[in-house]
Protein backbone atom coordinates (compact mmCIF):
# COMPACT_ATOMS: atom_id res chain seq x y z
CA MET A 1 3.27 4.32 -37.51
CA LYS A 2 5.32 5.01 -34.16
CA ALA A 3 5.69 8.95 -33.32
CA THR A 4 9.19 10.32 -33.01
CA ILE A 5 10.59 13.39 -31.16
CA TYR A 6 10.08 15.35 -34.19
CA ASP A 7 6.18 14.79 -34.40
CA ILE A 8 5.90 16.35 -31.03
CA ALA A 9 8.07 19.45 -31.67
CA ARG A 10 6.23 19.67 -35.05
CA GLU A 11 2.59 19.23 -33.04
CA ALA A 12 3.71 21.64 -30.44
CA GLY A 13 5.18 24.03 -32.29
CA VAL A 14 8.42 24.27 -30.50
CA SER A 15 12.04 23.06 -31.11
CA ILE A 16 13.41 19.51 -30.78
CA ALA A 17 15.52 20.55 -27.74
CA THR A 18 12.57 21.98 -26.08
CA VAL A 19 10.63 18.61 -26.15
CA SER A 20 14.01 17.02 -25.08
CA GLN A 21 14.10 19.13 -22.15
CA VAL A 22 10.70 18.38 -21.07
CA ILE A 23 11.32 14.49 -21.57
CA ASN A 24 14.28 14.87 -19.37
CA GLY A 25 12.58 17.38 -16.79
CA LYS A 26 15.02 20.29 -17.31
CA GLY A 27 15.08 23.36 -18.69
CA LYS A 28 13.37 26.69 -18.11
CA ILE A 29 9.37 26.00 -19.28
CA SER A 30 6.38 27.03 -17.59
CA GLU A 31 4.48 24.46 -16.08
CA LYS A 32 1.46 25.25 -18.51
CA ARG A 33 3.70 24.76 -21.48
CA ARG A 34 5.36 21.83 -20.16
CA ALA A 35 1.76 20.24 -19.62
CA GLU A 36 0.67 21.13 -23.11
CA ILE A 37 3.58 19.25 -24.59
CA MET A 38 3.05 16.03 -22.20
CA GLU A 39 -0.55 16.01 -23.11
CA ILE A 40 0.85 15.95 -26.96
CA MET A 41 2.93 13.12 -26.49
CA GLU A 42 0.15 11.17 -24.46
CA ARG A 43 -1.98 11.69 -27.42
CA LEU A 44 0.28 10.81 -30.12
CA HIS A 45 1.22 7.43 -27.79
CA TYR A 46 4.98 8.59 -27.55
CA GLN A 47 7.37 6.71 -26.07
CA PRO A 48 10.93 7.38 -25.36
CA SER A 49 13.20 4.40 -25.80
CA ALA A 50 14.00 2.94 -22.55
CA ILE A 51 16.57 0.78 -24.14
CA ALA A 52 18.81 3.51 -25.91
CA ALA A 53 18.51 5.44 -22.45
CA ALA A 54 19.58 2.60 -20.49
CA LEU A 55 22.71 1.88 -22.86
CA THR A 56 23.63 5.32 -22.47
CA GLY A 57 23.10 5.55 -18.72
CA LYS A 58 20.17 7.97 -18.89
CA GLN A 59 16.80 7.76 -17.30
CA THR A 60 14.72 5.48 -18.37
CA TYR A 61 11.52 7.20 -17.29
CA THR A 62 10.55 3.66 -15.54
CA LEU A 63 9.72 2.75 -11.85
CA GLY A 64 9.59 -0.42 -9.95
CA LEU A 65 7.07 -1.38 -7.44
CA LEU A 66 7.19 -4.54 -5.67
CA VAL A 67 3.70 -5.41 -3.69
CA PRO A 68 2.70 -9.02 -1.74
CA ASP A 69 -0.42 -9.82 -3.93
CA ILE A 70 -1.94 -7.55 -6.99
CA SER A 71 -4.95 -9.47 -6.80
CA ASN A 72 -5.34 -8.21 -3.19
CA PRO A 73 -8.03 -5.02 -3.66
CA TYR A 74 -5.89 -2.80 -1.58
CA PHE A 75 -2.71 -3.60 -3.51
CA ALA A 76 -4.49 -3.25 -6.97
CA GLU A 77 -5.86 0.22 -5.72
CA LEU A 78 -2.25 1.36 -4.64
CA ALA A 79 -0.83 0.07 -7.75
CA ARG A 80 -3.34 2.14 -9.73
CA ALA A 81 -2.72 4.88 -7.65
CA VAL A 82 1.29 4.59 -8.30
CA GLU A 83 0.89 4.05 -12.24
CA ASP A 84 -1.87 7.25 -12.68
CA ARG A 85 0.81 9.30 -10.71
CA SER A 86 3.65 8.24 -12.75
CA ARG A 87 2.04 8.43 -15.94
CA LYS A 88 0.89 12.22 -15.41
CA LEU A 89 4.91 12.47 -14.76
CA GLY A 90 5.88 11.14 -17.88
CA TYR A 91 7.16 7.72 -16.17
CA SER A 92 5.66 4.09 -16.68
CA VAL A 93 5.68 1.42 -14.04
CA VAL A 94 6.65 -2.30 -13.82
CA ILE A 95 4.61 -4.24 -10.86
CA CYS A 96 5.88 -7.29 -9.41
CA SER A 97 3.91 -9.48 -7.00
CA THR A 98 6.35 -10.92 -4.50
CA ASP A 99 4.31 -13.38 -2.08
CA ASN A 100 5.99 -11.45 0.89
CA LYS A 101 9.20 -13.90 0.25
CA ASP A 102 12.34 -12.49 0.32
CA GLU A 103 13.75 -14.80 -2.44
CA ARG A 104 11.11 -13.17 -4.78
CA VAL A 105 11.71 -10.06 -3.55
CA GLU A 106 15.47 -10.39 -4.35
CA ARG A 107 14.75 -11.76 -7.79
CA TYR A 108 12.56 -9.19 -8.63
CA LEU A 109 15.10 -6.57 -7.60
CA ASN A 110 17.62 -7.96 -9.73
CA LEU A 111 15.50 -7.92 -12.73
CA LEU A 112 14.27 -4.49 -11.98
CA GLN A 113 18.00 -3.35 -11.76
CA GLN A 114 18.90 -5.11 -15.19
CA LYS A 115 16.05 -3.27 -16.83
CA ARG A 116 17.75 0.19 -15.29
CA VAL A 117 14.50 1.45 -13.72
CA ASP A 118 15.13 4.94 -11.91
CA GLY A 119 13.64 4.15 -8.76
CA MET A 120 12.06 1.51 -6.94
CA MET A 121 8.79 1.57 -4.57
CA ILE A 122 8.39 -1.32 -1.71
CA GLY A 123 5.06 -2.12 -0.67
CA THR A 124 6.07 -5.75 0.59
CA GLY A 125 7.16 -7.50 3.67
CA ILE A 126 10.67 -8.23 3.78
CA GLU A 127 12.41 -10.17 6.56
CA ASN A 128 16.11 -9.44 5.42
CA ALA A 129 16.37 -5.59 5.04
CA GLU A 130 19.82 -6.53 3.53
CA ILE A 131 18.17 -7.11 0.44
CA LEU A 132 18.15 -3.56 -0.40
CA SER A 133 21.67 -3.03 0.38
CA PRO A 134 22.95 -3.06 -3.52
CA LEU A 135 19.88 -0.75 -4.51
CA LEU A 136 21.20 1.85 -2.08
CA GLN A 137 25.22 1.35 -2.86
CA GLN A 138 24.22 2.27 -6.61
CA SER A 139 22.33 5.31 -5.47
CA ILE A 140 18.84 3.79 -6.75
CA PRO A 141 16.08 5.68 -5.04
CA VAL A 142 13.80 3.45 -2.97
CA ALA A 143 10.43 4.85 -1.14
CA LEU A 144 8.83 2.32 1.42
CA ILE A 145 5.21 2.45 1.22
CA ALA A 146 3.06 1.62 4.24
CA ARG A 147 6.28 -0.60 5.49
CA HIS A 148 9.11 0.34 8.17
CA MET A 149 12.76 -0.55 8.15
CA PRO A 150 14.56 1.90 10.52
CA THR A 151 17.80 0.03 9.81
CA LEU A 152 17.67 1.43 6.30
CA SER A 153 18.41 5.04 4.90
CA VAL A 154 15.38 5.40 2.61
CA HIS A 155 12.18 7.37 1.87
CA THR A 156 9.01 6.00 3.65
CA VAL A 157 5.34 6.76 3.21
CA THR A 158 3.32 5.24 5.93
CA ILE A 159 0.29 5.39 7.62
CA ASP A 160 0.09 6.15 11.41
CA ASP A 161 -0.93 2.20 12.37
CA LYS A 162 -0.67 2.36 15.93
CA LEU A 163 -3.49 5.15 15.68
CA GLY A 164 -5.69 2.51 13.40
CA GLY A 165 -5.47 -0.36 15.74
CA SER A 166 -6.19 2.55 18.35
CA LEU A 167 -9.49 3.61 16.89
CA ALA A 168 -10.47 0.21 16.19
CA ALA A 169 -10.49 -0.80 19.87
CA GLN A 170 -12.08 2.74 21.03
CA HIS A 171 -14.72 1.48 18.62
CA LEU A 172 -15.32 -1.79 20.00
CA ILE A 173 -14.98 -0.51 23.34
CA GLU A 174 -17.62 2.23 22.85
CA LEU A 175 -20.09 -0.31 21.63
CA GLY A 176 -19.81 -2.24 24.78
CA HIS A 177 -17.44 -5.29 23.58
CA THR A 178 -15.20 -6.16 26.71
CA HIS A 179 -14.16 -9.90 25.24
CA VAL A 180 -12.37 -9.15 21.78
CA ALA A 181 -9.82 -10.57 19.73
CA VAL A 182 -7.63 -9.78 16.98
CA LEU A 183 -6.73 -11.53 13.34
CA SER A 184 -3.53 -10.16 12.38
CA GLU A 185 -1.07 -10.77 9.22
CA PRO A 186 2.23 -12.51 10.16
CA PHE A 187 3.92 -10.30 12.34
CA LYS A 188 7.17 -10.05 10.54
CA VAL A 189 4.69 -7.21 8.29
CA SER A 190 5.73 -4.41 9.99
CA SER A 191 2.38 -2.35 9.79
CA SER A 192 0.34 -5.27 11.51
CA GLN A 193 2.64 -5.05 14.25
CA GLU A 194 1.85 -1.42 14.53
CA ARG A 195 -1.88 -1.88 14.46
CA VAL A 196 -1.98 -4.87 17.00
CA ARG A 197 0.26 -3.00 19.49
CA GLY A 198 -2.56 0.13 19.43
CA PHE A 199 -5.03 -2.06 19.83
CA ARG A 200 -3.67 -3.66 23.08
CA GLU A 201 -2.76 -0.47 24.49
CA THR A 202 -5.94 1.18 23.91
CA LEU A 203 -7.46 -1.78 25.55
CA THR A 204 -5.33 -1.86 28.40
CA LYS A 205 -5.62 1.95 29.19
CA ALA A 206 -9.45 1.04 29.44
CA GLY A 207 -8.81 -1.46 31.82
CA TYR A 208 -9.24 -4.96 29.59
CA VAL A 209 -6.71 -7.29 28.95
CA LEU A 210 -5.99 -8.72 25.11
CA GLY A 211 -4.33 -11.93 26.13
CA PRO A 212 -2.07 -14.09 23.79
CA ASP A 213 -4.70 -16.63 22.78
CA GLN A 214 -6.81 -13.43 21.55
CA ILE A 215 -3.93 -12.63 18.99
CA ARG A 216 -4.32 -15.11 15.71
CA GLU A 217 -2.04 -14.99 12.67
CA SER A 218 -3.30 -15.99 9.37
CA ALA A 219 -2.28 -15.08 5.56
CA ALA A 220 -3.43 -11.59 4.38
CA ASP A 221 -5.67 -13.70 2.00
CA LEU A 222 -9.42 -14.38 2.02
CA ASN A 223 -9.38 -18.24 2.46
CA SER A 224 -6.44 -18.23 5.01
CA ALA A 225 -8.64 -15.86 7.41
CA LYS A 226 -11.50 -17.42 7.34
CA GLN A 227 -9.68 -20.80 8.14
CA GLU A 228 -8.19 -19.06 11.41
CA ALA A 229 -11.51 -17.22 11.92
CA LEU A 230 -13.49 -20.58 12.10
CA ARG A 231 -11.09 -22.06 14.52
CA LEU A 232 -11.53 -18.76 16.72
CA LEU A 233 -15.45 -18.40 16.56
CA SER A 234 -15.92 -22.30 17.24
CA GLU A 235 -14.59 -21.68 20.70
CA GLN A 236 -16.51 -21.79 23.88
CA ASN A 237 -15.45 -18.28 24.89
CA ARG A 238 -15.53 -16.87 21.41
CA PRO A 239 -14.86 -13.28 21.19
CA THR A 240 -17.86 -10.65 20.80
CA GLY A 241 -15.83 -8.09 18.80
CA LEU A 242 -12.84 -9.01 16.10
CA PHE A 243 -10.37 -6.66 14.77
CA CYS A 244 -8.89 -7.82 11.47
CA CYS A 245 -5.49 -5.97 10.27
CA ASN A 246 -7.17 -5.96 6.70
CA ASP A 247 -10.28 -6.25 4.88
CA MET A 248 -9.53 -9.49 2.95
CA GLN A 249 -9.40 -10.79 6.49
CA ALA A 250 -12.36 -9.15 7.77
CA ILE A 251 -14.45 -10.58 4.94
CA GLY A 252 -13.12 -13.99 5.59
CA ALA A 253 -14.16 -13.69 9.09
CA ILE A 254 -17.83 -12.61 8.05
CA GLN A 255 -17.82 -15.67 5.89
CA ALA A 256 -16.70 -17.78 8.92
CA ALA A 257 -19.23 -16.39 11.01
CA LYS A 258 -21.98 -17.08 8.79
CA GLU A 259 -20.42 -20.50 8.49
CA ARG A 260 -20.95 -21.01 11.78
CA GLY A 261 -24.52 -19.52 12.21
CA LEU A 262 -23.29 -16.43 14.07
CA ARG A 263 -25.13 -13.18 13.11
CA VAL A 264 -22.70 -9.88 12.08
CA PRO A 265 -23.13 -7.75 13.79
CA GLU A 266 -26.00 -9.02 16.44
CA ASP A 267 -23.50 -11.99 17.46
CA VAL A 268 -20.01 -10.75 16.98
CA SER A 269 -18.82 -7.26 15.70
CA ILE A 270 -16.16 -7.45 12.38
CA ILE A 271 -13.80 -4.37 11.59
CA GLY A 272 -11.23 -4.44 9.20
CA PHE A 273 -8.30 -2.37 8.03
CA ASP A 274 -7.70 -0.42 4.34
CA ASN A 275 -11.16 0.63 3.34
CA THR A 276 -11.07 -0.86 -0.23
CA ILE A 277 -14.02 -0.97 -2.67
CA LEU A 278 -14.92 -4.65 -0.96
CA ALA A 279 -15.66 -2.92 1.94
CA SER A 280 -18.85 -1.09 0.96
CA VAL A 281 -20.26 -3.88 -1.10
CA THR A 282 -19.51 -6.91 1.35
CA SER A 283 -22.76 -8.22 3.46
CA PRO A 284 -22.80 -6.75 5.30
CA PRO A 285 -20.85 -3.73 4.21
CA LEU A 286 -17.57 -3.49 6.81
CA THR A 287 -16.64 -1.28 9.36
CA THR A 288 -13.25 -0.31 8.79
CA ILE A 289 -10.00 1.83 9.10
CA ALA A 290 -9.58 3.70 6.22
CA GLN A 291 -6.37 3.95 4.62
CA PRO A 292 -5.85 7.31 2.20
CA ILE A 293 -4.41 4.49 -0.73
CA GLU A 294 -4.21 7.26 -3.30
CA GLU A 295 -2.29 9.63 -1.14
CA LEU A 296 0.02 6.99 -0.25
CA GLY A 297 0.61 6.05 -4.00
CA ARG A 298 1.15 9.56 -4.90
CA TYR A 299 3.28 10.64 -2.41
CA ALA A 300 5.77 7.83 -2.96
CA VAL A 301 6.29 8.51 -6.79
CA ASP A 302 6.46 12.38 -5.72
CA ILE A 303 9.49 11.37 -3.54
CA LEU A 304 11.16 9.19 -5.73
CA ILE A 305 11.07 11.73 -9.07
CA GLU A 306 12.00 14.78 -6.48
CA GLU A 307 15.24 12.83 -6.06
CA LEU A 308 15.85 12.09 -9.43
CA LYS A 309 15.20 15.50 -10.45
CA ASP A 310 16.91 17.39 -7.32
CA ASN A 311 20.04 14.66 -6.99
CA ASN A 312 19.22 14.82 -3.23
CA ASN A 313 18.88 11.35 -1.47
CA GLU A 314 18.04 12.88 1.92
CA PRO A 315 15.68 10.18 3.28
CA LYS A 316 11.84 11.70 3.73
CA GLN A 317 9.01 10.56 5.60
CA ARG A 318 5.50 11.21 5.36
CA ILE A 319 3.00 9.66 7.92
CA LEU A 320 -0.94 9.89 6.90
CA LYS A 321 -3.75 9.82 9.21
CA PRO A 322 -6.36 6.60 9.23
CA GLU A 323 -9.87 7.06 9.78
CA LEU A 324 -12.44 5.25 11.22
CA VAL A 325 -15.51 4.27 8.65
CA VAL A 326 -18.39 2.87 10.43
CA ARG A 327 -20.53 0.47 8.67
CA ALA A 328 -23.18 -2.33 9.70
CA SER A 329 -20.78 -5.26 10.36
CA THR A 330 -20.25 -3.64 13.82
CA GLY A 331 -22.95 -3.07 16.64
CA ARG A 332 -23.54 -2.72 20.57
CA ARG A 333 -23.22 -5.81 22.20
CA GLY A 334 -26.15 -5.14 24.09
CA ASN A 335 -28.44 -5.87 20.91
CA GLN A 336 -26.90 -9.35 20.65
């Protein structure tokens, strides 16, 4: 039988009004008591009626999350971080995969508005920022995750992508690689733009040139990256070091190198970006730029819920730092 608010009140030994205040995030209740009541709600599988809340114009305690592809380990880990944090704070999450296509983004945004979600997190590429205007006009809180849209007044939780690209370049330079290349996601993705910019500027400062033919684009998935890497590594003047703007592309590049009969890292060093679970289990284990994925998801949820509670829509920005994680896919050029 479905638990009711009366069951929660009886189990916790408090009034129905107190349970209601916990559900709505209001009232002068100690954090310890609030946590105890929420634990009982979770144990009894209590769910406030989202339909009733929507009809009365109240909060539905539901958030939306848009990502390009939930099958990509990076976005799967991000979605899990968002879901875990939301559940802890009494919210549920609707997750949508957009394939980085504006028409799908717009369709999902309309759907989520119809479902009266309380706030939205955007972790997908959007070419036309005006798609988000209806949300802002309705004062629906929006947080961008690992995305930049400077023309919009929204919350953002990002990492220093430019620094990440710089770390990748510095690592390859220190290993003696002077002829390098980049495999990037399409440049409409702002994070990739910054990663390539940081990589190029660091090379330039060290006295090396990254020409246009040394920057290749592919979709973020493994197979698309593999095909582009096959073309790049088949060229007579192939690079000895390759920086890929995400781990899936880097794994695709490793597969391409093996198919071409090249050894990693003896013939070509490959570095990724993200540090997903796959980075440590691929062969060889992948050197990569680590994103604090759990923190990205947690901060995005916290920022939205803070606005919902305080009704303060002043845009907040949090920039996290990436780190270089060295594994076996990169090595000194002299060892080739």
